[in-house]
Protein backbone atom coordinates (compact mmCIF):
# COMPACT_ATOMS: atom_id res chain seq x y z
CA MET A 1 12.39 -16.10 -9.56
CA TYR A 2 13.40 -14.07 -13.06
CA VAL A 3 10.67 -16.28 -14.87
CA CYS A 4 8.72 -16.32 -12.57
CA HIS A 5 8.44 -12.78 -12.30
CA SER A 6 8.01 -11.93 -16.12
CA HIS A 7 5.78 -9.65 -18.07
CA TRP A 8 7.55 -10.65 -21.52
CA HIS A 9 4.08 -12.85 -21.91
CA HIS A 10 2.29 -9.28 -21.78
CA ILE A 11 4.44 -7.26 -24.17
CA ASP A 12 4.02 -10.39 -26.51
CA PRO A 13 1.81 -13.19 -26.26
CA SER A 14 3.93 -15.49 -27.81
CA ARG A 15 6.32 -15.71 -25.01
CA ALA A 16 4.24 -16.97 -22.92
CA ASP A 17 4.79 -20.84 -23.57
CA GLY A 18 7.71 -20.23 -23.14
CA LEU A 19 8.83 -18.18 -20.12
CA LEU A 20 5.78 -21.85 -18.69
CA ALA A 21 9.01 -24.00 -20.34
CA VAL A 22 11.95 -22.35 -18.95
CA ALA A 23 9.94 -22.76 -15.28
CA GLN A 24 9.24 -26.11 -15.94
CA ARG A 25 12.85 -27.15 -17.30
CA LEU A 26 13.80 -25.34 -13.97
CA LEU A 27 12.54 -27.25 -11.94
CA ASP A 28 12.58 -30.51 -13.39
CA ALA A 29 16.57 -29.67 -13.18
CA GLY A 30 15.59 -29.40 -9.44
CA ALA A 31 15.25 -25.69 -8.92
CA ASP A 32 13.02 -24.54 -5.56
CA PRO A 33 9.45 -23.64 -6.04
CA GLU A 34 9.54 -22.07 -2.63
CA ALA A 35 12.10 -19.99 -4.10
CA ASN A 36 12.66 -16.29 -2.29
CA ASN A 37 14.59 -13.34 -1.38
CA GLY A 38 15.69 -14.50 1.30
CA ARG A 39 13.92 -11.70 3.19
CA ARG A 40 11.67 -12.75 6.23
CA ARG A 41 7.53 -12.41 5.75
CA ARG A 42 4.81 -10.15 7.13
CA GLY A 43 6.53 -6.76 5.83
CA GLY A 44 10.37 -7.68 6.13
CA GLY A 45 10.40 -7.57 2.65
CA PHE A 46 9.69 -10.91 1.40
CA ARG A 47 9.53 -11.79 -2.61
CA SER A 48 9.05 -15.28 -3.72
CA ALA A 49 8.68 -16.97 -7.43
CA LEU A 50 4.78 -18.03 -6.41
CA TYR A 51 4.07 -14.02 -5.68
CA GLY A 52 6.23 -12.72 -8.82
CA ALA A 53 3.80 -15.15 -10.77
CA ALA A 54 0.62 -14.18 -8.99
CA GLY A 55 1.24 -11.01 -7.88
CA ILE A 56 3.50 -9.36 -9.67
CA ALA A 57 3.34 -10.98 -13.52
CA ASN A 58 -0.14 -12.79 -13.58
CA ASN A 59 0.80 -15.35 -15.10
CA PRO A 60 -1.71 -18.59 -14.16
CA ALA A 61 -0.12 -20.72 -16.11
CA ILE A 62 3.03 -20.48 -14.11
CA THR A 63 0.97 -19.90 -10.89
CA GLU A 64 -0.16 -23.37 -11.37
CA LEU A 65 2.74 -25.03 -12.11
CA LEU A 66 4.31 -23.76 -9.07
CA LEU A 67 1.62 -24.64 -7.35
CA ALA A 68 1.65 -28.36 -8.46
CA ARG A 69 5.41 -28.81 -7.31
CA GLY A 70 4.79 -28.17 -3.62
CA ALA A 71 4.82 -23.67 -3.35
CA ASN A 72 2.75 -22.89 -0.69
CA PRO A 73 -0.07 -19.97 -1.03
CA ASN A 74 -0.14 -18.96 2.48
CA ASP A 75 2.65 -16.46 1.48
CA GLY A 76 1.14 -13.27 3.49
CA GLU A 77 1.62 -11.77 -0.30
CA SER A 78 0.43 -13.89 -3.48
CA LEU A 79 -3.29 -13.37 -2.70
CA TYR A 80 -3.43 -9.86 -1.67
CA HIS A 81 -0.86 -8.72 -5.01
CA SER A 82 -3.02 -11.05 -7.48
CA VAL A 83 -6.33 -9.12 -6.45
CA TYR A 84 -5.21 -6.31 -8.27
CA HIS A 85 -5.42 -7.69 -11.96
CA ARG A 86 -8.97 -7.57 -12.78
CA ASP A 87 -9.68 -11.38 -14.87
CA HIS A 88 -9.29 -12.41 -11.53
CA ALA A 89 -6.67 -15.16 -12.94
CA CYS A 90 -4.06 -15.68 -10.57
CA LEU A 91 -6.77 -15.32 -8.13
CA ARG A 92 -8.71 -18.30 -8.91
CA VAL A 93 -6.02 -20.54 -9.07
CA LEU A 94 -5.06 -19.66 -5.81
CA LEU A 95 -8.44 -19.85 -4.07
CA ALA A 96 -8.76 -23.55 -5.96
CA CYS A 97 -5.54 -24.52 -3.95
CA GLY A 98 -7.13 -24.13 -0.65
CA VAL A 99 -5.12 -20.52 0.30
CA TRP A 100 -6.51 -18.98 3.84
CA VAL A 101 -7.45 -15.87 2.51
CA PRO A 102 -8.14 -14.56 6.82
CA GLY A 103 -5.33 -12.61 7.18
CA THR A 104 -4.59 -11.40 3.72
CA ASN A 105 -6.38 -8.08 3.81
CA ALA A 106 -7.20 -9.39 0.15
CA LEU A 107 -10.47 -8.87 0.67
CA GLY A 108 -9.86 -5.73 1.76
CA ALA A 109 -7.54 -4.93 -0.99
CA ALA A 110 -10.98 -6.31 -3.22
CA ALA A 111 -13.18 -4.08 -1.72
CA SER A 112 -10.63 -0.99 -2.44
CA ILE A 113 -10.54 -1.19 -5.86
CA GLY A 114 -14.41 -1.49 -6.00
CA ASP A 115 -14.26 -5.26 -7.37
CA VAL A 116 -17.53 -6.81 -6.80
CA GLU A 117 -16.21 -9.71 -8.08
CA ALA A 118 -13.16 -10.24 -6.14
CA VAL A 119 -14.99 -9.68 -3.22
CA ARG A 120 -17.50 -12.30 -4.28
CA LEU A 121 -14.88 -15.20 -4.70
CA LEU A 122 -12.74 -13.84 -1.63
CA ILE A 123 -15.87 -14.15 0.53
CA ASP A 124 -17.37 -17.83 -1.01
CA ALA A 125 -13.93 -19.31 -0.27
CA ALA A 126 -13.72 -17.57 3.83
CA PRO A 127 -14.52 -20.19 6.50
CA PRO A 128 -17.67 -19.63 7.96
CA GLY A 129 -16.87 -16.52 10.62
CA HIS A 130 -14.45 -14.85 8.95
CA LEU A 131 -16.19 -12.56 6.48
CA ALA A 132 -13.57 -10.16 6.27
CA ASP A 133 -10.53 -8.25 7.53
CA PRO A 134 -10.38 -7.02 10.47
CA THR A 135 -13.26 -7.30 12.05
CA ASN A 136 -15.30 -11.12 11.02
CA ASP A 137 -18.63 -8.92 11.42
CA GLY A 138 -17.24 -7.04 8.24
CA SER A 139 -17.85 -4.17 9.23
CA SER A 140 -15.26 -1.84 8.07
CA LEU A 141 -14.67 -3.30 4.76
CA LEU A 142 -18.55 -1.88 4.69
CA ARG A 143 -18.35 1.53 5.69
CA ALA A 144 -15.37 1.88 3.74
CA ALA A 145 -17.59 1.09 0.97
CA THR A 146 -20.32 3.05 2.41
CA ARG A 147 -17.94 6.05 2.34
CA ARG A 148 -16.19 5.37 -1.09
CA GLY A 149 -19.81 4.88 -2.45
CA ASP A 150 -19.66 1.08 -3.47
CA THR A 151 -23.30 0.82 -3.41
CA ASP A 152 -22.57 -3.10 -5.42
CA ILE A 153 -19.67 -3.93 -2.61
CA ALA A 154 -22.04 -2.59 0.05
CA ALA A 155 -24.80 -4.68 -1.19
CA THR A 156 -22.85 -7.69 -1.23
CA LEU A 157 -20.97 -7.39 2.14
CA LEU A 158 -24.75 -7.06 3.29
CA ARG A 159 -25.85 -10.02 1.92
CA HIS A 160 -23.15 -12.44 3.32
CA GLY A 161 -23.71 -11.20 6.80
CA ALA A 162 -21.75 -7.66 6.92
CA VAL A 163 -23.10 -5.91 9.56
CA TYR A 164 -22.83 -1.78 10.71
CA GLU A 165 -25.30 0.91 11.11
CA SER A 166 -23.56 3.17 8.40
CA GLY A 167 -23.65 6.71 9.82
CA VAL A 168 -25.11 9.89 8.13
CA ILE A 169 -22.06 10.92 7.23
CA ASP A 170 -21.12 8.02 5.52
CA HIS A 171 -23.48 7.58 3.24
CA PHE A 172 -22.68 11.74 2.60
CA LEU A 173 -19.02 10.18 1.33
CA GLY A 174 -20.56 8.15 -0.87
CA ALA A 175 -22.92 10.49 -2.07
CA CYS A 176 -20.68 12.67 -2.78
CA ALA A 177 -18.17 9.84 -4.28
CA ARG A 178 -20.94 8.84 -6.64
CA ALA A 179 -21.33 12.79 -7.83
CA ASP A 180 -25.42 12.46 -6.54
CA ARG A 181 -25.69 15.89 -6.03
CA ALA A 182 -29.38 14.58 -4.72
CA GLU A 183 -28.82 12.22 -2.85
CA ALA A 184 -25.42 14.91 -0.93
CA ALA A 185 -28.52 17.87 -1.01
CA ARG A 186 -31.21 15.70 0.80
CA LEU A 187 -28.49 14.44 3.14
CA LEU A 188 -27.47 18.02 4.02
CA ASP A 189 -31.10 19.17 3.99
CA ASP A 190 -32.22 16.91 6.42
CA ASN A 191 -29.03 17.12 8.66
CA PRO A 192 -28.40 20.87 9.72
CA GLY A 193 -24.60 21.75 10.10
CA LEU A 194 -23.11 18.64 8.92
CA LEU A 195 -20.48 19.75 6.96
CA ASP A 196 -19.60 20.93 10.57
CA ARG A 197 -19.15 17.73 11.49
CA LEU A 198 -16.94 16.68 9.38
CA SER A 199 -13.65 15.79 10.56
CA ASP A 200 -10.22 15.99 9.06
CA GLU A 201 -10.28 12.19 8.13
CA ASP A 202 -13.53 12.82 6.35
CA ARG A 203 -12.53 15.73 4.53
CA SER A 204 -9.48 13.84 3.83
CA ALA A 205 -11.60 11.29 1.12
CA LEU A 206 -10.65 14.29 -1.29
CA VAL A 207 -7.66 12.69 -2.19
CA ASP A 208 -8.53 9.04 -2.29
CA ALA A 209 -11.48 9.63 -4.18
CA ALA A 210 -8.95 10.99 -6.18
CA GLY A 211 -7.91 7.85 -7.44
CA TYR A 212 -11.25 6.61 -8.61
CA ALA A 213 -14.30 8.97 -8.18
CA SER A 214 -15.30 11.17 -11.50
CA VAL A 215 -14.74 14.31 -12.01
CA ALA A 216 -18.28 15.19 -11.47
CA ALA A 217 -17.71 14.19 -8.33
CA LEU A 218 -14.65 15.80 -7.31
CA GLU A 219 -15.98 18.92 -8.76
CA LEU A 220 -19.01 18.38 -6.12
CA MET A 221 -16.68 17.79 -2.82
CA VAL A 222 -14.74 21.10 -4.02
CA GLU A 223 -18.04 23.01 -4.57
CA LEU A 224 -19.35 21.94 -0.95
CA GLY A 225 -15.94 23.59 0.84
CA PHE A 226 -13.20 20.54 0.25
CA LEU A 227 -9.79 21.72 0.56
CA ILE A 228 -7.70 20.54 -3.07
CA ASP A 229 -4.70 20.08 -0.98
CA THR A 230 -5.86 18.38 2.34
CA ARG A 231 -3.52 15.50 3.32
CA ASP A 232 -4.43 11.97 4.34
CA ASN A 233 -3.08 9.54 6.49
CA ASP A 234 0.17 9.47 4.68
CA ASP A 235 0.04 12.56 3.82
CA ALA A 236 -0.46 12.44 0.60
CA THR A 237 -3.11 14.64 -1.80
CA ALA A 238 -5.26 14.51 -4.55
CA LEU A 239 -2.34 15.30 -6.82
CA HIS A 240 -0.42 12.49 -5.84
CA LYS A 241 -3.46 9.41 -5.51
CA ALA A 242 -4.59 10.73 -9.47
CA GLY A 243 -0.73 10.47 -10.56
CA TYR A 244 -0.42 6.88 -9.28
CA ALA A 245 -3.80 6.21 -11.22
CA GLY A 246 -2.15 8.25 -14.37
CA ARG A 247 -5.85 9.68 -13.87
CA ALA A 248 -4.51 12.83 -16.63
CA ASP A 249 -7.92 14.63 -16.59
CA VAL A 250 -7.64 14.78 -12.67
CA VAL A 251 -4.87 15.54 -12.36
CA ARG A 252 -4.76 18.42 -15.02
CA MET A 253 -8.37 18.95 -12.89
CA LEU A 254 -6.43 20.06 -9.89
CA LEU A 255 -4.10 21.92 -11.08
CA ASP A 256 -5.60 24.48 -12.71
CA TRP A 257 -7.89 24.55 -9.35
CA GLY A 258 -4.67 25.45 -8.04
CA ALA A 259 -3.30 22.32 -6.18
CA GLU A 260 0.40 22.51 -5.18
CA VAL A 261 2.43 20.59 -8.32
CA ASP A 262 5.44 19.22 -5.62
CA PRO A 263 3.96 17.73 -2.13
CA ARG A 264 5.81 15.52 -0.71
CA GLU A 265 3.90 12.66 1.48
CA ASN A 266 5.24 11.04 4.24
CA ARG A 267 5.86 7.39 3.68
CA TRP A 268 7.99 7.73 0.63
CA HIS A 269 8.63 11.73 0.98
CA CYS A 270 7.40 11.79 -3.17
CA THR A 271 6.39 14.07 -5.02
CA PRO A 272 3.07 13.26 -7.23
CA LEU A 273 5.01 12.91 -9.94
CA CYS A 274 7.08 10.00 -8.61
CA HIS A 275 3.79 8.75 -7.68
CA ALA A 276 3.60 8.91 -11.53
CA THR A 277 6.02 7.32 -12.95
CA VAL A 278 5.87 3.86 -10.27
CA GLY A 279 2.20 3.70 -10.91
CA SER A 280 2.88 3.79 -15.02
CA GLY A 281 5.59 0.63 -13.95
CA GLU A 282 3.36 -1.38 -11.52
CA GLN A 283 0.32 -1.30 -13.11
CA PRO A 284 1.43 -2.77 -16.62
CA ASP A 285 -2.41 -3.70 -17.29
CA GLY A 286 -4.35 -0.35 -15.49
CA SER A 287 -6.26 1.60 -17.64
CA GLY A 288 -4.64 4.65 -16.64
CA ASP A 289 -3.32 7.41 -19.32
CA TRP A 290 0.06 8.12 -17.23
CA VAL A 291 1.92 9.53 -20.98
CA THR A 292 -0.04 12.52 -20.58
CA THR A 293 -0.04 12.53 -16.47
CA VAL A 294 3.77 12.86 -16.57
CA ARG A 295 3.53 15.51 -19.48
CA THR A 296 1.05 17.41 -17.63
CA LEU A 297 2.62 17.50 -14.27
CA LEU A 298 6.49 18.32 -16.51
CA ALA A 299 4.83 20.70 -17.75
CA ALA A 300 3.28 22.85 -14.53
CA GLY A 301 7.01 22.90 -13.30
CA ALA A 302 6.97 19.56 -11.15
CA SER A 303 10.52 18.86 -9.75
CA ARG A 304 12.98 16.82 -11.96
CA SER A 305 14.59 15.10 -8.25
CA GLY A 306 14.11 11.71 -7.18
CA VAL A 307 11.12 10.79 -9.84
CA TRP A 308 12.95 7.57 -11.58
CA ILE A 309 13.41 5.10 -8.15
CA GLU A 310 15.42 2.43 -8.47
CA GLY A 311 13.59 -0.82 -7.87
CA LYS A 312 10.72 0.75 -9.24
CA PRO A 313 11.06 1.75 -12.80
CA PRO A 314 8.80 3.70 -14.94
CA SER A 315 6.59 1.99 -18.34
CA GLU A 316 8.69 2.00 -21.74
CA ASP A 317 6.90 5.35 -22.41
CA VAL A 318 7.05 7.20 -19.58
CA ALA A 319 10.72 6.51 -19.41
CA ALA A 320 11.44 7.52 -23.07
CA VAL A 321 9.29 10.96 -22.07
CA LEU A 322 11.48 11.21 -18.34
CA ILE A 323 14.53 10.82 -21.15
CA GLU A 324 13.18 13.54 -23.08
CA HIS A 325 13.10 16.02 -20.28
CA GLY A 326 16.99 15.08 -19.35
CA ILE A 327 15.72 12.31 -16.78
CA THR A 328 18.05 9.55 -17.64
CA GLY A 329 17.91 6.63 -14.67
CA PRO A 330 17.22 6.49 -11.16
CA ASP A 331 17.90 8.55 -8.20
CA GLU A 332 17.10 8.71 -4.94
CA PRO A 333 14.17 11.35 -3.11
CA ASP A 334 15.31 14.23 -1.79
CA GLU A 335 14.18 14.11 2.01
CA PRO A 336 12.61 16.45 4.24
CA PRO A 337 14.92 18.39 6.38
CA ARG A 338 16.08 16.17 9.65
CA GLU A 339 15.94 18.40 13.29
CA PRO A 340 18.34 17.75 15.71
CA VAL A 341 16.81 16.00 18.86
CA ASP A 342 17.53 17.08 22.71
CA PRO A 343 20.22 13.92 22.79
CA ALA A 344 18.07 13.56 26.40
CA VAL A 345 15.32 12.97 24.58
CA LEU A 346 16.92 10.35 22.47
CA ARG A 347 19.05 8.81 25.23
CA ASP A 348 15.61 8.80 27.25
CA LEU A 349 14.20 7.01 24.48
CA ALA A 350 16.45 4.69 23.97
CA ASP A 351 16.76 3.08 27.43
CA ARG A 352 12.90 2.14 27.69
CA LEU A 353 13.21 1.15 23.30
CA ARG A 354 16.09 -1.63 24.74
CA ALA A 355 13.75 -2.29 27.37
CA ALA A 356 10.83 -3.05 25.77
CA MET A 357 12.41 -5.12 22.31
CA ASP A 358 15.20 -7.31 24.72
CA GLN A 359 11.47 -7.28 27.14
CA ALA A 360 9.04 -8.11 24.12
CA ASP A 361 7.02 -5.46 26.08
CA LEU A 362 4.26 -4.48 23.81
CA ASP A 363 2.86 -2.30 25.79
CA LEU A 364 5.97 0.05 26.72
CA LEU A 365 7.08 0.07 22.82
CA GLY A 366 3.27 1.19 22.23
CA GLU A 367 3.90 3.94 24.54
CA LEU A 368 7.59 5.20 22.47
CA LEU A 369 5.17 5.36 19.14
CA HIS A 370 4.30 8.84 17.68
CA PRO A 371 0.80 7.72 16.77
CA LYS A 372 1.72 8.11 13.36
CA ALA A 373 4.33 6.14 13.57
CA ARG A 374 5.63 4.92 10.14
CA TRP A 375 7.31 1.14 9.58
CA GLY A 376 7.12 -0.94 6.14
CA THR A 377 3.76 -0.83 5.29
CA CYS A 378 2.57 -0.16 8.61
CA ALA A 379 1.62 3.76 8.65
CA THR A 380 -0.20 4.37 12.20
CA SER A 381 1.54 3.44 15.94
CA GLY A 382 -1.28 -0.08 16.36
CA GLN A 383 -0.01 -1.45 12.32
CA VAL A 384 3.57 -1.56 13.85
CA LEU A 385 2.00 -3.37 16.89
CA ASP A 386 -0.01 -5.36 15.50
CA TRP A 387 3.56 -6.11 13.04
CA TYR A 388 5.50 -6.89 16.49
CA ARG A 389 2.38 -8.73 17.74
CA ALA A 390 2.34 -11.27 15.13
CA ARG A 391 6.24 -11.80 14.58
CA GLN A 392 6.05 -12.65 18.16
CA VAL A 393 3.21 -14.86 17.55
CA ASP A 394 5.47 -16.47 14.57
CA GLY A 395 8.05 -17.25 17.33
CA VAL A 396 10.26 -14.33 16.54
CA ARG A 397 12.44 -13.13 19.11
CA ALA A 398 15.19 -10.06 19.11
CA GLU A 399 17.51 -8.71 21.29
CA VAL A 400 19.28 -5.12 21.31
CA ARG A 401 23.29 -5.46 21.11
CA ASP A 402 24.05 -1.92 20.45
CA MET A 403 22.81 1.15 20.45
CA VAL A 404 24.08 5.04 18.78
CA ILE A 405 22.03 8.37 19.17
CA ARG A 406 22.78 10.76 16.31
CA ASP A 407 21.31 14.15 14.95
CA ASP A 408 17.01 12.96 15.67
CA ALA A 409 17.72 8.87 15.70
CA ILE A 410 18.48 6.01 17.50
CA LEU A 411 20.42 3.20 16.07
CA ALA A 412 19.78 -0.20 17.24
CA GLU A 413 22.04 -3.28 16.27
CA VAL A 414 19.02 -6.18 17.11
CA VAL A 415 19.78 -9.41 17.56
CA VAL A 416 16.76 -12.00 15.22
CA HIS A 417 16.31 -15.32 16.52
CA GLU A 418 13.77 -16.90 14.12
CA GLY A 419 14.14 -20.82 14.36
CA GLY A 420 17.12 -21.26 12.56
CA PRO A 421 20.52 -18.96 12.70
CA SER A 422 20.31 -15.76 14.05
CA GLU A 423 20.32 -12.68 11.83
CA THR A 424 22.01 -9.17 12.53
CA VAL A 425 20.80 -6.12 11.76
CA TRP A 426 20.74 -2.26 12.32
CA GLN A 427 17.33 -1.03 12.59
CA GLU A 428 16.46 3.23 12.71
CA PHE A 429 14.01 4.60 15.03
CA ARG A 430 13.63 8.39 13.27
CA VAL A 431 11.65 11.07 16.18
CA ALA A 432 9.69 13.33 15.80
CA ASP A 433 7.30 15.39 19.38
CA GLY A 434 9.26 13.37 21.66
CA ALA A 435 9.00 10.24 20.33
CA ILE A 436 9.08 7.14 17.41
CA ALA A 437 7.86 8.52 14.40
CA GLU A 438 9.62 6.28 12.05
CA ILE A 439 11.13 2.57 12.03
CA ARG A 440 13.38 1.92 8.67
CA PRO A 441 16.51 -0.59 7.90
CA TYR A 442 19.44 0.66 8.55
CA VAL A 443 22.43 -0.24 6.44
CA THR A 444 26.34 0.81 7.82
CA GLU A 445 28.79 1.58 6.32
CA ASP A 446 31.39 -1.74 7.07
């Protein structure tokens, strides 16, 4: 696991042969090519040797070695994460071994970062009738590409059979993302009242654009009335996205225009500075300027609390900047205040939750979830239900052994049956607005 996750071959290319030799010797001595951290797949925090080599370290030589020794490429993680490496070396290795593309969201990831070549490779590798995730006709991806202004991605999807009648709002947002003032103006002239018809989701396109679009595109969107501090479905702002991507020029622009320095999003409860430190460590081959980004945020008075996260360390250069400012090690991000919930509401939810889990009743579970319920990488109730549905298809069964009510949450002791020995875990179901708003692991004191 350690040698497969190592980035030393990027820091010092002369280490590459040594890393490969270490992996070979360990495998020859009986190391398991399927070595992993023991967590469950599909949202359970699963990490494997192959995931490390292909998805994290971008080491095609070790990736090929692991596959030759029997590692399973269909682990739900390796292909998806390999897409984010722009050289496509590990992606090509995985596709050459016949990895199953549908259901991995790898195509969606490639489209989201505007990587035309990766999109083409994945489409060519997908079996007929499985163009995209999650729809076989590619409509969701084509719409997303149109809204992001990715004309090359859209054209590639259309050539390979994607079907979607793009709306005028989609094309308008795409023109804004490309900083195409003439096209945006034409669409506004041809469609009176278009700006008034934009939904909250449409207006949150500014948040996504801060991670990839030009400064000119963002200026155009702000001139047209898009708000600097608008939030997306994760409650993140444009400053979060720009910080994570290390886009120092965009961060400076947003701050100059009055963007809030320390907003916290709902998924990790982190600030833009926290996103910048994490982004610097997770994108060692990225093109961002995280040092300037971090310095800019600190100079603007960004909070220093919870910005160095355990398990998600900053790059060495960014770590040095943090240390300069007295931030010397990992700490946990501050959580927003937790408001007590009526005990009667919690008891009713607990009873219905127990029934839903014991009976594997996803319809009942869906009635208990907040529309923006979160669980792992899931950010909506629909995604949470899809995760549970996939677990059922895999033959996983869960039963509730005990439940405890506290403040704003239901703590459940759950016995998970997954083919082998059963596993007992505690989960916390946080409640807001009378519904389950977040599910996360809970570690008991004993």
